[in-house]
Every structure is written in C-alpha cells, then in structure tokens.
C-alpha cells in the first residue's frame, strides 16, 4: 500500500510501441537459450528416471550453467545485438 495521496500520484506518459526494442535476436542470445534449454531437457529426463540418474541431473544443471555463461561471453566477443561481428561492412 502506498503512502501517497491521490493528488500526488502522477500519470505516466503513454508508451511508444513503434520503437524497435531488439529482443535479443542475436547469436549470443540464441546460444544462451538453446544451451540452457538442452540442459533443462537433460535434467528433466534425469528427474523422471529417478534417483539412479543423479549424475545425469547434475550434468544437465552443468550444461545450463555453461549456457548462462555462454551468452555474456559471446556478447562481449561481439555477437550480441549490435555487436561488432554482426555489422554489415558491405563485403
């Protein structure tokens, strides 16, 4: 609950939805999402198998951690949105 009275609350300006947001459509974003998804599938399969697949579950978690690291690494290498490796040089 807010302590502000109705007179002090301001109305926000409308959002301009015509601006391109750039939702991460880049090799770095796709690598992060794809790798994390593969790790999640591996972990889910291991979870269904049961206690005998604990190692497989941990491998899936490890793949997800690698995926989470892969995105920022590729973005720093120039494969993120607007990255230097994605610029069209006219060749």
PDB file of N, CA and C in Angstrom:
ATOM      1  N   UNK A   1       0.846  -1.164   0.000  1.00  0.00           N
ATOM      2  CA  UNK A   1       0.000   0.000   0.000  1.00  0.00           C
ATOM      3  C   UNK A   1       0.892   1.228   0.000  1.00  0.00           C
ATOM      4  N   UNK A   2       0.536   2.237  -0.753  1.00  0.00           N
ATOM      5  CA  UNK A   2       1.338   3.443  -0.875  1.00  0.00           C
ATOM      6  C   UNK A   2       0.885   4.493   0.138  1.00  0.00           C
ATOM      7  N   UNK A   3       1.836   5.309   0.574  1.00  0.00           N
ATOM      8  CA  UNK A   3       1.540   6.404   1.497  1.00  0.00           C
ATOM      9  C   UNK A   3       1.175   7.685   0.759  1.00  0.00           C
ATOM     10  N   UNK A   4       1.202   7.657  -0.566  1.00  0.00           N
ATOM     11  CA  UNK A   4       0.913   8.856  -1.348  1.00  0.00           C
ATOM     12  C   UNK A   4      -0.592   9.060  -1.454  1.00  0.00           C
ATOM     13  N   UNK A   5      -0.991  10.322  -1.429  1.00  0.00           N
ATOM     14  CA  UNK A   5      -2.399  10.627  -1.643  1.00  0.00           C
ATOM     15  C   UNK A   5      -2.684  10.650  -3.143  1.00  0.00           C
ATOM     16  N   UNK A   6      -3.928  10.627  -3.506  1.00  0.00           N
ATOM     17  CA  UNK A   6      -4.319  10.609  -4.911  1.00  0.00           C
ATOM     18  C   UNK A   6      -3.858  11.867  -5.638  1.00  0.00           C
ATOM     19  N   UNK A   7      -3.707  12.967  -4.940  1.00  0.00           N
ATOM     20  CA  UNK A   7      -3.303  14.223  -5.573  1.00  0.00           C
ATOM     21  C   UNK A   7      -1.818  14.222  -5.941  1.00  0.00           C
ATOM     22  N   UNK A   8      -0.988  13.426  -5.262  1.00  0.00           N
ATOM     23  CA  UNK A   8       0.445  13.446  -5.544  1.00  0.00           C
ATOM     24  C   UNK A   8       0.880  12.380  -6.534  1.00  0.00           C
ATOM     25  N   UNK A   9       0.007  11.473  -6.901  1.00  0.00           N
ATOM     26  CA  UNK A   9       0.354  10.412  -7.846  1.00  0.00           C
ATOM     27  C   UNK A   9       0.218  10.973  -9.251  1.00  0.00           C
ATOM     28  N   UNK A  10       1.281  10.816 -10.068  1.00  0.00           N
ATOM     29  CA  UNK A  10       1.222  11.325 -11.440  1.00  0.00           C
ATOM     30  C   UNK A  10       0.932  10.184 -12.403  1.00  0.00           C
ATOM     31  N   UNK A  11       0.344  10.529 -13.512  1.00  0.00           N
ATOM     32  CA  UNK A  11       0.022   9.554 -14.547  1.00  0.00           C
ATOM     33  C   UNK A  11       1.224   9.449 -15.475  1.00  0.00           C
ATOM     34  N   UNK A  12       1.645   8.226 -15.794  1.00  0.00           N
ATOM     35  CA  UNK A  12       2.780   8.035 -16.688  1.00  0.00           C
ATOM     36  C   UNK A  12       2.380   8.360 -18.119  1.00  0.00           C
ATOM     37  N   UNK A  13       3.373   8.795 -18.878  1.00  0.00           N
ATOM     38  CA  UNK A  13       3.159   9.070 -20.293  1.00  0.00           C
ATOM     39  C   UNK A  13       2.904   7.755 -21.022  1.00  0.00           C
ATOM     40  N   UNK A  14       2.133   7.784 -22.096  1.00  0.00           N
ATOM     41  CA  UNK A  14       1.898   6.547 -22.844  1.00  0.00           C
ATOM     42  C   UNK A  14       3.199   6.023 -23.467  1.00  0.00           C
ATOM     43  N   UNK A  15       3.303   4.718 -23.582  1.00  0.00           N
ATOM     44  CA  UNK A  15       4.488   4.077 -24.124  1.00  0.00           C
ATOM     45  C   UNK A  15       4.391   4.047 -25.641  1.00  0.00           C
ATOM     46  N   UNK A  16       5.493   4.411 -26.309  1.00  0.00           N
ATOM     47  CA  UNK A  16       5.547   4.379 -27.770  1.00  0.00           C
ATOM     48  C   UNK A  16       5.904   2.965 -28.211  1.00  0.00           C
ATOM     49  N   UNK A  17       4.935   2.220 -28.743  1.00  0.00           N
ATOM     50  CA  UNK A  17       5.158   0.839 -29.127  1.00  0.00           C
ATOM     51  C   UNK A  17       5.716   0.694 -30.539  1.00  0.00           C
ATOM     52  N   UNK A  18       5.973   1.780 -31.222  1.00  0.00           N
ATOM     53  CA  UNK A  18       6.508   1.697 -32.576  1.00  0.00           C
ATOM     54  C   UNK A  18       8.029   1.595 -32.582  1.00  0.00           C
ATOM     55  N   UNK A  19       8.671   1.749 -31.432  1.00  0.00           N
ATOM     56  CA  UNK A  19      10.128   1.696 -31.342  1.00  0.00           C
ATOM     57  C   UNK A  19      10.582   0.243 -31.306  1.00  0.00           C
ATOM     58  N   UNK A  20      11.596  -0.081 -32.122  1.00  0.00           N
ATOM     59  CA  UNK A  20      12.176  -1.429 -32.139  1.00  0.00           C
ATOM     60  C   UNK A  20      12.917  -1.671 -30.834  1.00  0.00           C
ATOM     61  N   UNK A  21      12.514  -2.713 -30.099  1.00  0.00           N
ATOM     62  CA  UNK A  21      13.131  -2.992 -28.813  1.00  0.00           C
ATOM     63  C   UNK A  21      14.376  -3.858 -28.926  1.00  0.00           C
ATOM     64  N   UNK A  22      14.499  -4.643 -29.977  1.00  0.00           N
ATOM     65  CA  UNK A  22      15.647  -5.525 -30.107  1.00  0.00           C
ATOM     66  C   UNK A  22      15.615  -6.604 -29.045  1.00  0.00           C
ATOM     67  N   UNK A  23      14.765  -7.573 -29.203  1.00  0.00           N
ATOM     68  CA  UNK A  23      14.533  -8.588 -28.180  1.00  0.00           C
ATOM     69  C   UNK A  23      15.629  -9.647 -28.131  1.00  0.00           C
ATOM     70  N   UNK A  24      16.862  -9.282 -28.371  1.00  0.00           N
ATOM     71  CA  UNK A  24      17.952 -10.231 -28.231  1.00  0.00           C
ATOM     72  C   UNK A  24      18.067 -11.216 -29.367  1.00  0.00           C
ATOM     73  N   UNK A  25      17.631 -10.837 -30.549  1.00  0.00           N
ATOM     74  CA  UNK A  25      17.733 -11.724 -31.700  1.00  0.00           C
ATOM     75  C   UNK A  25      19.161 -11.668 -32.229  1.00  0.00           C
ATOM     76  N   UNK A  26      20.043 -12.423 -31.573  1.00  0.00           N
ATOM     77  CA  UNK A  26      21.458 -12.429 -31.923  1.00  0.00           C
ATOM     78  C   UNK A  26      22.016 -13.826 -31.671  1.00  0.00           C
ATOM     79  N   UNK A  27      23.170 -14.140 -32.248  1.00  0.00           N
ATOM     80  CA  UNK A  27      23.784 -15.442 -31.979  1.00  0.00           C
ATOM     81  C   UNK A  27      24.064 -15.670 -30.489  1.00  0.00           C
ATOM     82  N   UNK A  28      24.426 -14.630 -29.760  1.00  0.00           N
ATOM     83  CA  UNK A  28      24.692 -14.775 -28.324  1.00  0.00           C
ATOM     84  C   UNK A  28      23.424 -15.178 -27.580  1.00  0.00           C
ATOM     85  N   UNK A  29      22.311 -14.538 -27.891  1.00  0.00           N
ATOM     86  CA  UNK A  29      21.051 -14.853 -27.217  1.00  0.00           C
ATOM     87  C   UNK A  29      20.568 -16.248 -27.585  1.00  0.00           C
ATOM     88  N   UNK A  30      20.664 -16.615 -28.853  1.00  0.00           N
ATOM     89  CA  UNK A  30      20.223 -17.933 -29.279  1.00  0.00           C
ATOM     90  C   UNK A  30      21.082 -19.030 -28.655  1.00  0.00           C
ATOM     91  N   UNK A  31      22.387 -18.798 -28.550  1.00  0.00           N
ATOM     92  CA  UNK A  31      23.270 -19.790 -27.928  1.00  0.00           C
ATOM     93  C   UNK A  31      22.924 -19.974 -26.451  1.00  0.00           C
ATOM     94  N   UNK A  32      22.657 -18.866 -25.753  1.00  0.00           N
ATOM     95  CA  UNK A  32      22.284 -18.942 -24.345  1.00  0.00           C
ATOM     96  C   UNK A  32      20.989 -19.720 -24.176  1.00  0.00           C
ATOM     97  N   UNK A  33      19.979 -19.374 -24.927  1.00  0.00           N
ATOM     98  CA  UNK A  33      18.667 -20.017 -24.786  1.00  0.00           C
ATOM     99  C   UNK A  33      18.731 -21.484 -25.206  1.00  0.00           C
ATOM    100  N   UNK A  34      19.393 -21.769 -26.316  1.00  0.00           N
ATOM    101  CA  UNK A  34      19.475 -23.145 -26.799  1.00  0.00           C
ATOM    102  C   UNK A  34      20.223 -24.057 -25.846  1.00  0.00           C
ATOM    103  N   UNK A  35      21.355 -23.595 -25.360  1.00  0.00           N
ATOM    104  CA  UNK A  35      22.154 -24.403 -24.439  1.00  0.00           C
ATOM    105  C   UNK A  35      21.413 -24.613 -23.123  1.00  0.00           C
ATOM    106  N   UNK A  36      20.779 -23.574 -22.623  1.00  0.00           N
ATOM    107  CA  UNK A  36      20.022 -23.701 -21.380  1.00  0.00           C
ATOM    108  C   UNK A  36      18.840 -24.645 -21.561  1.00  0.00           C
ATOM    109  N   UNK A  37      18.192 -24.588 -22.705  1.00  0.00           N
ATOM    110  CA  UNK A  37      17.073 -25.484 -22.980  1.00  0.00           C
ATOM    111  C   UNK A  37      17.529 -26.940 -23.036  1.00  0.00           C
ATOM    112  N   UNK A  38      18.656 -27.210 -23.677  1.00  0.00           N
ATOM    113  CA  UNK A  38      19.188 -28.576 -23.731  1.00  0.00           C
ATOM    114  C   UNK A  38      19.503 -29.078 -22.322  1.00  0.00           C
ATOM    115  N   UNK A  39      20.113 -28.224 -21.507  1.00  0.00           N
ATOM    116  CA  UNK A  39      20.404 -28.609 -20.126  1.00  0.00           C
ATOM    117  C   UNK A  39      19.146 -28.892 -19.327  1.00  0.00           C
ATOM    118  N   UNK A  40      18.106 -28.103 -19.551  1.00  0.00           N
ATOM    119  CA  UNK A  40      16.845 -28.323 -18.845  1.00  0.00           C
ATOM    120  C   UNK A  40      16.189 -29.639 -19.264  1.00  0.00           C
ATOM    121  N   UNK A  41      16.259 -29.966 -20.540  1.00  0.00           N
ATOM    122  CA  UNK A  41      15.699 -31.235 -21.013  1.00  0.00           C
ATOM    123  C   UNK A  41      16.455 -32.412 -20.397  1.00  0.00           C
ATOM    124  N   UNK A  42      17.779 -32.320 -20.365  1.00  0.00           N
ATOM    125  CA  UNK A  42      18.583 -33.380 -19.753  1.00  0.00           C
ATOM    126  C   UNK A  42      18.208 -33.541 -18.280  1.00  0.00           C
ATOM    127  N   UNK A  43      18.100 -32.448 -17.557  1.00  0.00           N
ATOM    128  CA  UNK A  43      17.755 -32.516 -16.138  1.00  0.00           C
ATOM    129  C   UNK A  43      16.348 -33.065 -15.924  1.00  0.00           C
ATOM    130  N   UNK A  44      15.409 -32.680 -16.767  1.00  0.00           N
ATOM    131  CA  UNK A  44      14.040 -33.183 -16.636  1.00  0.00           C
ATOM    132  C   UNK A  44      13.978 -34.686 -16.882  1.00  0.00           C
ATOM    133  N   UNK A  45      14.688 -35.160 -17.891  1.00  0.00           N
ATOM    134  CA  UNK A  45      14.711 -36.599 -18.162  1.00  0.00           C
ATOM    135  C   UNK A  45      15.318 -37.342 -16.975  1.00  0.00           C
ATOM    136  N   UNK A  46      16.403 -36.812 -16.428  1.00  0.00           N
ATOM    137  CA  UNK A  46      17.039 -37.450 -15.269  1.00  0.00           C
ATOM    138  C   UNK A  46      16.109 -37.437 -14.063  1.00  0.00           C
ATOM    139  N   UNK A  47      15.366 -36.375 -13.897  1.00  0.00           N
ATOM    140  CA  UNK A  47      14.426 -36.282 -12.772  1.00  0.00           C
ATOM    141  C   UNK A  47      13.345 -37.350 -12.878  1.00  0.00           C
ATOM    142  N   UNK A  48      12.876 -37.594 -14.087  1.00  0.00           N
ATOM    143  CA  UNK A  48      11.836 -38.601 -14.296  1.00  0.00           C
ATOM    144  C   UNK A  48      12.403 -40.009 -14.079  1.00  0.00           C
ATOM    145  N   UNK A  49      13.648 -40.231 -14.498  1.00  0.00           N
ATOM    146  CA  UNK A  49      14.271 -41.549 -14.318  1.00  0.00           C
ATOM    147  C   UNK A  49      14.365 -41.893 -12.833  1.00  0.00           C
ATOM    148  N   UNK A  50      14.758 -40.930 -12.044  1.00  0.00           N
ATOM    149  CA  UNK A  50      14.773 -41.170 -10.601  1.00  0.00           C
ATOM    150  C   UNK A  50      16.149 -41.041  -9.985  1.00  0.00           C
ATOM    151  N   UNK A  51      16.277 -41.625  -8.812  1.00  0.00           N
ATOM    152  CA  UNK A  51      17.481 -41.464  -8.005  1.00  0.00           C
ATOM    153  C   UNK A  51      18.736 -42.015  -8.676  1.00  0.00           C
ATOM    154  N   UNK A  52      18.580 -43.015  -9.523  1.00  0.00           N
ATOM    155  CA  UNK A  52      19.746 -43.606 -10.186  1.00  0.00           C
ATOM    156  C   UNK A  52      20.364 -42.674 -11.222  1.00  0.00           C
ATOM    157  N   UNK A  53      19.682 -41.595 -11.577  1.00  0.00           N
ATOM    158  CA  UNK A  53      20.178 -40.668 -12.598  1.00  0.00           C
ATOM    159  C   UNK A  53      20.619 -39.339 -12.000  1.00  0.00           C
ATOM    160  N   UNK A  54      21.097 -39.366 -10.763  1.00  0.00           N
ATOM    161  CA  UNK A  54      21.530 -38.131 -10.111  1.00  0.00           C
ATOM    162  C   UNK A  54      22.670 -37.476 -10.875  1.00  0.00           C
ATOM    163  N   UNK A  55      23.625 -38.283 -11.349  1.00  0.00           N
ATOM    164  CA  UNK A  55      24.747 -37.734 -12.101  1.00  0.00           C
ATOM    165  C   UNK A  55      24.260 -37.065 -13.391  1.00  0.00           C
ATOM    166  N   UNK A  56      23.314 -37.697 -14.072  1.00  0.00           N
ATOM    167  CA  UNK A  56      22.759 -37.114 -15.301  1.00  0.00           C
ATOM    168  C   UNK A  56      22.059 -35.794 -14.997  1.00  0.00           C
ATOM    169  N   UNK A  57      21.350 -35.729 -13.881  1.00  0.00           N
ATOM    170  CA  UNK A  57      20.689 -34.486 -13.470  1.00  0.00           C
ATOM    171  C   UNK A  57      21.723 -33.375 -13.267  1.00  0.00           C
ATOM    172  N   UNK A  58      22.817 -33.703 -12.580  1.00  0.00           N
ATOM    173  CA  UNK A  58      23.859 -32.701 -12.332  1.00  0.00           C
ATOM    174  C   UNK A  58      24.558 -32.283 -13.625  1.00  0.00           C
ATOM    175  N   UNK A  59      24.682 -33.207 -14.562  1.00  0.00           N
ATOM    176  CA  UNK A  59      25.244 -32.845 -15.874  1.00  0.00           C
ATOM    177  C   UNK A  59      24.329 -31.845 -16.572  1.00  0.00           C
ATOM    178  N   UNK A  60      23.026 -32.066 -16.507  1.00  0.00           N
ATOM    179  CA  UNK A  60      22.070 -31.123 -17.096  1.00  0.00           C
ATOM    180  C   UNK A  60      22.159 -29.753 -16.455  1.00  0.00           C
ATOM    181  N   UNK A  61      22.304 -29.720 -15.140  1.00  0.00           N
ATOM    182  CA  UNK A  61      22.464 -28.436 -14.444  1.00  0.00           C
ATOM    183  C   UNK A  61      23.762 -27.768 -14.888  1.00  0.00           C
ATOM    184  N   UNK A  62      24.812 -28.552 -15.053  1.00  0.00           N
ATOM    185  CA  UNK A  62      26.088 -28.000 -15.533  1.00  0.00           C
ATOM    186  C   UNK A  62      25.969 -27.417 -16.934  1.00  0.00           C
ATOM    187  N   UNK A  63      25.219 -28.088 -17.806  1.00  0.00           N
ATOM    188  CA  UNK A  63      25.004 -27.567 -19.162  1.00  0.00           C
ATOM    189  C   UNK A  63      24.255 -26.239 -19.100  1.00  0.00           C
ATOM    190  N   UNK A  64      23.288 -26.124 -18.189  1.00  0.00           N
ATOM    191  CA  UNK A  64      22.566 -24.855 -18.043  1.00  0.00           C
ATOM    192  C   UNK A  64      23.493 -23.742 -17.558  1.00  0.00           C
ATOM    193  N   UNK A  65      24.387 -24.051 -16.639  1.00  0.00           N
ATOM    194  CA  UNK A  65      25.341 -23.043 -16.147  1.00  0.00           C
ATOM    195  C   UNK A  65      26.270 -22.603 -17.277  1.00  0.00           C
ATOM    196  N   UNK A  66      26.712 -23.557 -18.093  1.00  0.00           N
ATOM    197  CA  UNK A  66      27.546 -23.206 -19.257  1.00  0.00           C
ATOM    198  C   UNK A  66      26.770 -22.294 -20.197  1.00  0.00           C
ATOM    199  N   UNK A  67      25.487 -22.595 -20.412  1.00  0.00           N
ATOM    200  CA  UNK A  67      24.655 -21.749 -21.271  1.00  0.00           C
ATOM    201  C   UNK A  67      24.520 -20.339 -20.733  1.00  0.00           C
ATOM    202  N   UNK A  68      24.353 -20.226 -19.412  1.00  0.00           N
ATOM    203  CA  UNK A  68      24.233 -18.892 -18.811  1.00  0.00           C
ATOM    204  C   UNK A  68      25.527 -18.096 -18.935  1.00  0.00           C
ATOM    205  N   UNK A  69      26.653 -18.780 -18.956  1.00  0.00           N
ATOM    206  CA  UNK A  69      27.933 -18.087 -19.131  1.00  0.00           C
ATOM    207  C   UNK A  69      28.198 -17.785 -20.604  1.00  0.00           C
ATOM    208  N   UNK A  70      27.687 -18.638 -21.484  1.00  0.00           N
ATOM    209  CA  UNK A  70      27.951 -18.505 -22.920  1.00  0.00           C
ATOM    210  C   UNK A  70      27.373 -17.218 -23.505  1.00  0.00           C
ATOM    211  N   UNK A  71      26.185 -16.824 -23.075  1.00  0.00           N
ATOM    212  CA  UNK A  71      25.555 -15.616 -23.607  1.00  0.00           C
ATOM    213  C   UNK A  71      26.388 -14.364 -23.399  1.00  0.00           C
ATOM    214  N   UNK A  72      26.758 -14.031 -22.157  1.00  0.00           N
ATOM    215  CA  UNK A  72      27.578 -12.834 -21.942  1.00  0.00           C
ATOM    216  C   UNK A  72      28.959 -12.922 -22.585  1.00  0.00           C
ATOM    217  N   UNK A  73      29.526 -14.129 -22.645  1.00  0.00           N
ATOM    218  CA  UNK A  73      30.842 -14.276 -23.285  1.00  0.00           C
ATOM    219  C   UNK A  73      30.739 -13.958 -24.770  1.00  0.00           C
ATOM    220  N   UNK A  74      29.718 -14.499 -25.440  1.00  0.00           N
ATOM    221  CA  UNK A  74      29.548 -14.216 -26.867  1.00  0.00           C
ATOM    222  C   UNK A  74      29.177 -12.757 -27.111  1.00  0.00           C
ATOM    223  N   UNK A  75      28.394 -12.163 -26.204  1.00  0.00           N
ATOM    224  CA  UNK A  75      28.068 -10.738 -26.355  1.00  0.00           C
ATOM    225  C   UNK A  75      29.333  -9.895 -26.255  1.00  0.00           C
ATOM    226  N   UNK A  76      30.209 -10.232 -25.309  1.00  0.00           N
ATOM    227  CA  UNK A  76      31.471  -9.493 -25.166  1.00  0.00           C
ATOM    228  C   UNK A  76      32.372  -9.704 -26.376  1.00  0.00           C
ATOM    229  N   UNK A  77      32.248 -10.860 -27.036  1.00  0.00           N
ATOM    230  CA  UNK A  77      33.059 -11.140 -28.219  1.00  0.00           C
ATOM    231  C   UNK A  77      32.504 -10.467 -29.474  1.00  0.00           C
ATOM    232  N   UNK A  78      31.359  -9.798 -29.363  1.00  0.00           N
ATOM    233  CA  UNK A  78      30.811  -9.061 -30.496  1.00  0.00           C
ATOM    234  C   UNK A  78      29.656  -9.729 -31.196  1.00  0.00           C
ATOM    235  N   UNK A  79      29.091 -10.783 -30.610  1.00  0.00           N
ATOM    236  CA  UNK A  79      27.987 -11.491 -31.243  1.00  0.00           C
ATOM    237  C   UNK A  79      26.637 -11.162 -30.624  1.00  0.00           C
ATOM    238  N   UNK A  80      26.561 -10.126 -29.800  1.00  0.00           N
ATOM    239  CA  UNK A  80      25.296  -9.691 -29.219  1.00  0.00           C
ATOM    240  C   UNK A  80      24.587  -8.729 -30.151  1.00  0.00           C
ATOM    241  N   UNK A  81      23.446  -8.211 -29.720  1.00  0.00           N
ATOM    242  CA  UNK A  81      22.685  -7.257 -30.517  1.00  0.00           C
ATOM    243  C   UNK A  81      23.544  -6.020 -30.767  1.00  0.00           C
ATOM    244  N   UNK A  82      23.739  -5.671 -32.018  1.00  0.00           N
ATOM    245  CA  UNK A  82      24.554  -4.515 -32.379  1.00  0.00           C
ATOM    246  C   UNK A  82      26.043  -4.747 -32.214  1.00  0.00           C
ATOM    247  N   UNK A  83      26.459  -6.000 -32.075  1.00  0.00           N
ATOM    248  CA  UNK A  83      27.866  -6.327 -31.864  1.00  0.00           C
ATOM    249  C   UNK A  83      28.716  -6.076 -33.099  1.00  0.00           C
ATOM    250  N   UNK A  84      30.020  -5.968 -32.888  1.00  0.00           N
ATOM    251  CA  UNK A  84      30.941  -5.650 -33.979  1.00  0.00           C
ATOM    252  C   UNK A  84      31.027  -6.778 -35.005  1.00  0.00           C
ATOM    253  N   UNK A  85      30.805  -8.005 -34.622  1.00  0.00           N
ATOM    254  CA  UNK A  85      30.895  -9.131 -35.564  1.00  0.00           C
ATOM    255  C   UNK A  85      29.651  -9.239 -36.445  1.00  0.00           C
ATOM    256  N   UNK A  86      28.589  -8.519 -36.073  1.00  0.00           N
ATOM    257  CA  UNK A  86      27.335  -8.606 -36.813  1.00  0.00           C
ATOM    258  C   UNK A  86      27.097  -7.410 -37.728  1.00  0.00           C
ATOM    259  N   UNK A  87      27.968  -6.469 -37.713  1.00  0.00           N
ATOM    260  CA  UNK A  87      27.801  -5.271 -38.551  1.00  0.00           C
ATOM    261  C   UNK A  87      28.075  -5.606 -40.006  1.00  0.00           C
ATOM    262  N   UNK A  88      27.257  -5.063 -40.899  1.00  0.00           N
ATOM    263  CA  UNK A  88      27.428  -5.260 -42.320  1.00  0.00           C
ATOM    264  C   UNK A  88      28.488  -4.274 -42.818  1.00  0.00           C
ATOM    265  N   UNK A  89      29.613  -4.810 -43.305  1.00  0.00           N
ATOM    266  CA  UNK A  89      30.694  -3.959 -43.788  1.00  0.00           C
ATOM    267  C   UNK A  89      30.642  -3.745 -45.283  1.00  0.00           C
ATOM    268  N   UNK A  90      29.620  -4.289 -45.953  1.00  0.00           N
ATOM    269  CA  UNK A  90      29.475  -4.090 -47.390  1.00  0.00           C
ATOM    270  C   UNK A  90      30.220  -5.092 -48.224  1.00  0.00           C
ATOM    271  N   UNK A  91      30.802  -6.112 -47.636  1.00  0.00           N
ATOM    272  CA  UNK A  91      31.525  -7.126 -48.393  1.00  0.00           C
ATOM    273  C   UNK A  91      30.634  -8.269 -48.729  1.00  0.00           C
TER     274      UNK A  91
END
